Amino acid sequence: MRLLDETGKQVGVVDLSEALKRAQDVELDLVEIAPEAKPPVAKIIDYKKFQYLEERKQKEARKHTKEAELKEVRVSPFIGDHDLEVALKKVRKFLGEGDMVKISVVFKGRQMRHTEFGPQLQERILTLIAGIGERDRDSRWEGRRFVSIVKPTKEAQQKAQQEKKDKEKQNEKAQNNSKQKTRNAKPKVEEEKSKEPVKQAV
């Protein structure tokens, strides 16, 4: 990858381990800023600051699009099958509701020695959700996380919109039925009152 240091100066083309070591030496994070480039471009940066700026960009972008939220699902690079299925249910649920999902493979401590598991797990997840979710942009490193942004497919978006309309119709129908029952109940009460025998004074 092509590396930029914390000042923005170009270091040159280095391997991942050297780039990570340089970031650790200055107590900062390694973030891939141009994964589509050949070779990919990464920069040593304060990840929290980078994340804040990314969130601001996403908020601005959402103002000009439909009101979709960006949900996040975090997984370990060595996640078991059961836990993975639980995570996938969350991803499918969010996509089914029309939201975008940020899938983060989070590395801790010595797990960084096996960074190859990040891309492998992301590809596995993307294969398992094929049909309802697709990659919105290239996966990339954000500090100790390998991240993919996934959006609902057109088919999934249409299904979510139709389900929302159906739910609104059902709610409207239920409210109308409730109002009708209330109206029908009033005359019955009045009728019952009119049937009560009139008590005559003795």
Protein backbone atom coordinates (compact mmCIF):
# COMPACT_ATOMS: atom_id res chain seq x y z
CA MET A 1 0.00 0.00 0.00
CA ARG A 2 1.01 3.64 -0.51
CA LEU A 3 1.45 5.30 2.88
CA LEU A 4 0.98 8.90 3.99
CA ASP A 5 2.31 9.83 7.44
CA GLU A 6 0.49 11.86 10.10
CA THR A 7 1.61 15.14 8.47
CA GLY A 8 0.30 14.10 5.05
CA LYS A 9 3.78 13.47 3.69
CA GLN A 10 4.10 10.53 1.32
CA VAL A 11 6.24 7.74 2.77
CA GLY A 12 6.04 5.50 -0.28
CA VAL A 13 4.87 1.96 -0.98
CA VAL A 14 5.19 -0.27 2.11
CA ASP A 15 3.66 -3.55 3.30
CA LEU A 16 0.84 -3.65 5.84
CA SER A 17 2.99 -4.72 8.80
CA GLU A 18 5.38 -1.78 8.34
CA ALA A 19 2.49 0.65 7.95
CA LEU A 20 0.90 -0.63 11.17
CA LYS A 21 4.23 -0.39 13.01
CA ARG A 22 4.69 3.23 11.92
CA ALA A 23 1.18 4.06 13.15
CA GLN A 24 1.80 2.35 16.50
CA ASP A 25 5.12 4.19 16.93
CA VAL A 26 3.31 7.56 16.89
CA GLU A 27 0.30 6.19 18.83
CA LEU A 28 -2.11 6.82 15.96
CA ASP A 29 -4.22 4.65 13.66
CA LEU A 30 -3.84 3.40 10.12
CA VAL A 31 -6.81 4.27 7.92
CA GLU A 32 -7.28 3.26 4.29
CA ILE A 33 -8.43 6.42 2.49
CA ALA A 34 -8.35 5.25 -1.13
CA PRO A 35 -8.90 1.48 -1.28
CA GLU A 36 -9.75 1.58 -4.99
CA ALA A 37 -6.34 3.03 -5.92
CA LYS A 38 -3.53 0.79 -7.17
CA PRO A 39 -1.80 0.34 -4.81
CA PRO A 40 -4.36 1.31 -2.12
CA VAL A 41 -3.58 4.51 -0.20
CA ALA A 42 -3.52 4.55 3.61
CA LYS A 43 -2.83 7.39 6.03
CA ILE A 44 -1.64 7.54 9.63
CA ILE A 45 -4.34 9.53 11.38
CA ASP A 46 -6.28 10.05 14.62
CA TYR A 47 -9.11 7.57 14.05
CA LYS A 48 -11.56 9.30 16.42
CA LYS A 49 -11.15 12.55 14.53
CA PHE A 50 -11.47 10.70 11.22
CA GLN A 51 -14.63 8.94 12.42
CA TYR A 52 -16.15 12.25 13.53
CA LEU A 53 -15.54 13.76 10.10
CA GLU A 54 -16.96 10.66 8.39
CA GLU A 55 -20.11 10.82 10.51
CA ARG A 56 -20.57 14.48 9.59
CA LYS A 57 -20.25 13.58 5.89
CA GLN A 58 -22.80 10.79 6.29
CA LYS A 59 -25.26 13.12 8.06
CA GLU A 60 -24.92 15.66 5.25
CA ALA A 61 -25.44 12.93 2.66
CA ARG A 62 -28.57 11.67 4.46
CA LYS A 63 -30.12 15.14 4.27
CA HIS A 64 -30.27 14.76 0.50
CA THR A 65 -31.48 11.17 0.45
CA LYS A 66 -34.25 9.19 2.08
CA GLU A 67 -34.23 8.98 5.86
CA ALA A 68 -32.14 5.83 6.12
CA GLU A 69 -30.02 5.22 9.18
CA LEU A 70 -26.53 3.77 9.26
CA LYS A 71 -26.56 0.85 11.68
CA GLU A 72 -23.41 -0.91 12.85
CA VAL A 73 -22.84 -4.59 13.52
CA ARG A 74 -19.48 -5.57 15.05
CA VAL A 75 -17.95 -9.03 14.82
CA SER A 76 -14.71 -10.67 15.91
CA PRO A 77 -12.36 -12.02 13.22
CA PHE A 78 -12.57 -15.43 14.97
CA ILE A 79 -16.34 -15.42 15.48
CA GLY A 80 -18.10 -18.78 15.87
CA ASP A 81 -20.88 -20.00 13.58
CA HIS A 82 -23.65 -19.41 16.17
CA ASP A 83 -22.55 -15.85 16.97
CA LEU A 84 -22.13 -15.13 13.26
CA GLU A 85 -25.72 -16.23 12.60
CA VAL A 86 -26.92 -13.89 15.39
CA ALA A 87 -24.98 -11.02 13.79
CA LEU A 88 -26.38 -11.90 10.35
CA LYS A 89 -29.94 -11.76 11.70
CA LYS A 90 -29.28 -8.18 12.83
CA VAL A 91 -27.81 -7.28 9.44
CA ARG A 92 -30.78 -8.81 7.59
CA LYS A 93 -33.23 -7.02 9.93
CA PHE A 94 -31.62 -3.61 9.35
CA LEU A 95 -31.44 -4.13 5.59
CA GLY A 96 -35.05 -5.32 5.58
CA GLU A 97 -36.05 -2.03 7.22
CA GLY A 98 -34.30 -0.10 4.44
CA ASP A 99 -31.25 0.96 6.47
CA MET A 100 -27.58 0.81 5.52
CA VAL A 101 -25.31 -1.34 7.69
CA LYS A 102 -21.69 -0.83 8.69
CA ILE A 103 -20.14 -4.25 9.27
CA SER A 104 -16.98 -3.94 11.37
CA VAL A 105 -14.54 -6.78 11.93
CA VAL A 106 -12.83 -5.63 15.14
CA PHE A 107 -9.29 -6.79 15.93
CA LYS A 108 -7.87 -6.75 19.45
CA GLY A 109 -4.31 -7.20 20.70
CA ARG A 110 -2.49 -10.11 19.07
CA GLN A 111 -5.33 -10.64 16.60
CA MET A 112 -3.63 -7.95 14.48
CA ARG A 113 -1.09 -10.62 13.54
CA HIS A 114 -3.82 -12.23 11.44
CA THR A 115 -5.25 -9.28 9.53
CA GLU A 116 -6.05 -11.53 6.57
CA PHE A 117 -9.11 -12.78 8.47
CA GLY A 118 -10.75 -9.35 8.11
CA PRO A 119 -11.25 -9.43 4.31
CA GLN A 120 -12.02 -13.18 4.41
CA LEU A 121 -14.82 -12.76 6.97
CA GLN A 122 -16.27 -9.74 5.16
CA GLU A 123 -16.47 -11.68 1.90
CA ARG A 124 -18.15 -14.56 3.71
CA ILE A 125 -20.75 -12.22 5.24
CA LEU A 126 -21.41 -10.50 1.90
CA THR A 127 -21.97 -13.91 0.29
CA LEU A 128 -24.42 -14.93 3.04
CA ILE A 129 -26.52 -11.76 2.66
CA ALA A 130 -26.47 -11.75 -1.15
CA GLY A 131 -29.90 -10.92 -2.51
CA ILE A 132 -30.86 -8.50 0.25
CA GLY A 133 -27.63 -6.52 0.71
CA GLU A 134 -24.78 -5.30 -1.46
CA ARG A 135 -21.54 -3.40 -0.92
CA ASP A 136 -22.04 0.36 -1.02
CA ARG A 137 -18.31 1.04 -1.31
CA ASP A 138 -15.03 -0.86 -1.15
CA SER A 139 -14.15 -2.45 2.18
CA ARG A 140 -11.26 -0.77 3.99
CA TRP A 141 -9.21 -0.58 7.19
CA GLU A 142 -10.22 1.97 9.82
CA GLY A 143 -7.67 1.65 12.59
CA ARG A 144 -8.05 -1.87 14.01
CA ARG A 145 -11.30 -2.47 12.16
CA PHE A 146 -11.89 -3.85 8.68
CA VAL A 147 -15.11 -2.21 7.56
CA SER A 148 -17.74 -2.70 4.85
CA ILE A 149 -20.75 -0.45 4.25
CA VAL A 150 -23.68 -2.48 2.96
CA LYS A 151 -26.92 -1.14 1.48
CA PRO A 152 -30.18 -2.92 0.69
CA THR A 153 -30.54 -4.19 -2.86
CA LYS A 154 -33.21 -2.54 -5.02
CA GLU A 155 -35.43 -5.58 -4.51
CA ALA A 156 -35.00 -5.37 -0.72
CA GLN A 157 -35.72 -1.62 -0.75
CA GLN A 158 -38.93 -2.15 -2.76
CA LYS A 159 -40.01 -4.93 -0.39
CA ALA A 160 -39.31 -2.75 2.67
CA GLN A 161 -41.30 0.14 1.17
CA GLN A 162 -44.23 -2.15 0.33
CA GLU A 163 -44.22 -3.66 3.83
CA LYS A 164 -44.22 -0.15 5.31
CA LYS A 165 -47.23 0.82 3.17
CA ASP A 166 -49.07 -2.38 4.11
CA LYS A 167 -48.39 -1.76 7.80
CA GLU A 168 -49.68 1.82 7.53
CA LYS A 169 -52.86 0.57 5.81
CA GLN A 170 -53.38 -2.05 8.53
CA ASN A 171 -52.95 0.55 11.27
CA GLU A 172 -55.36 2.92 9.51
CA LYS A 173 -57.92 0.12 9.08
CA ALA A 174 -57.60 -0.86 12.77
CA GLN A 175 -58.14 2.76 13.84
CA ASN A 176 -61.23 3.07 11.61
CA ASN A 177 -62.66 -0.18 12.99
CA SER A 178 -62.07 1.05 16.54
CA LYS A 179 -63.86 4.34 15.81
CA GLN A 180 -66.77 2.48 14.20
CA LYS A 181 -67.15 0.19 17.22
CA THR A 182 -67.21 3.22 19.50
CA ARG A 183 -69.96 4.84 17.41
CA ASN A 184 -72.05 1.63 17.36
CA ALA A 185 -71.73 1.17 21.12
CA LYS A 186 -73.33 4.54 22.02
CA PRO A 187 -76.86 3.87 20.61
CA LYS A 188 -76.95 0.49 22.36
CA VAL A 189 -76.29 2.13 25.70
CA GLU A 190 -79.04 4.68 25.04
CA GLU A 191 -81.42 1.91 23.90
CA GLU A 192 -80.78 -0.10 27.06
CA LYS A 193 -81.50 2.96 29.15
CA SER A 194 -84.81 3.51 27.35
CA LYS A 195 -85.89 -0.08 28.07
CA GLU A 196 -85.51 0.35 31.81
CA PRO A 197 -88.97 0.32 33.53
CA VAL A 198 -90.17 3.67 34.69
CA LYS A 199 -90.60 3.67 38.44
CA GLN A 200 -93.86 5.21 39.58
CA ALA A 201 -94.22 6.91 42.87
CA VAL A 202 -96.40 4.95 45.32
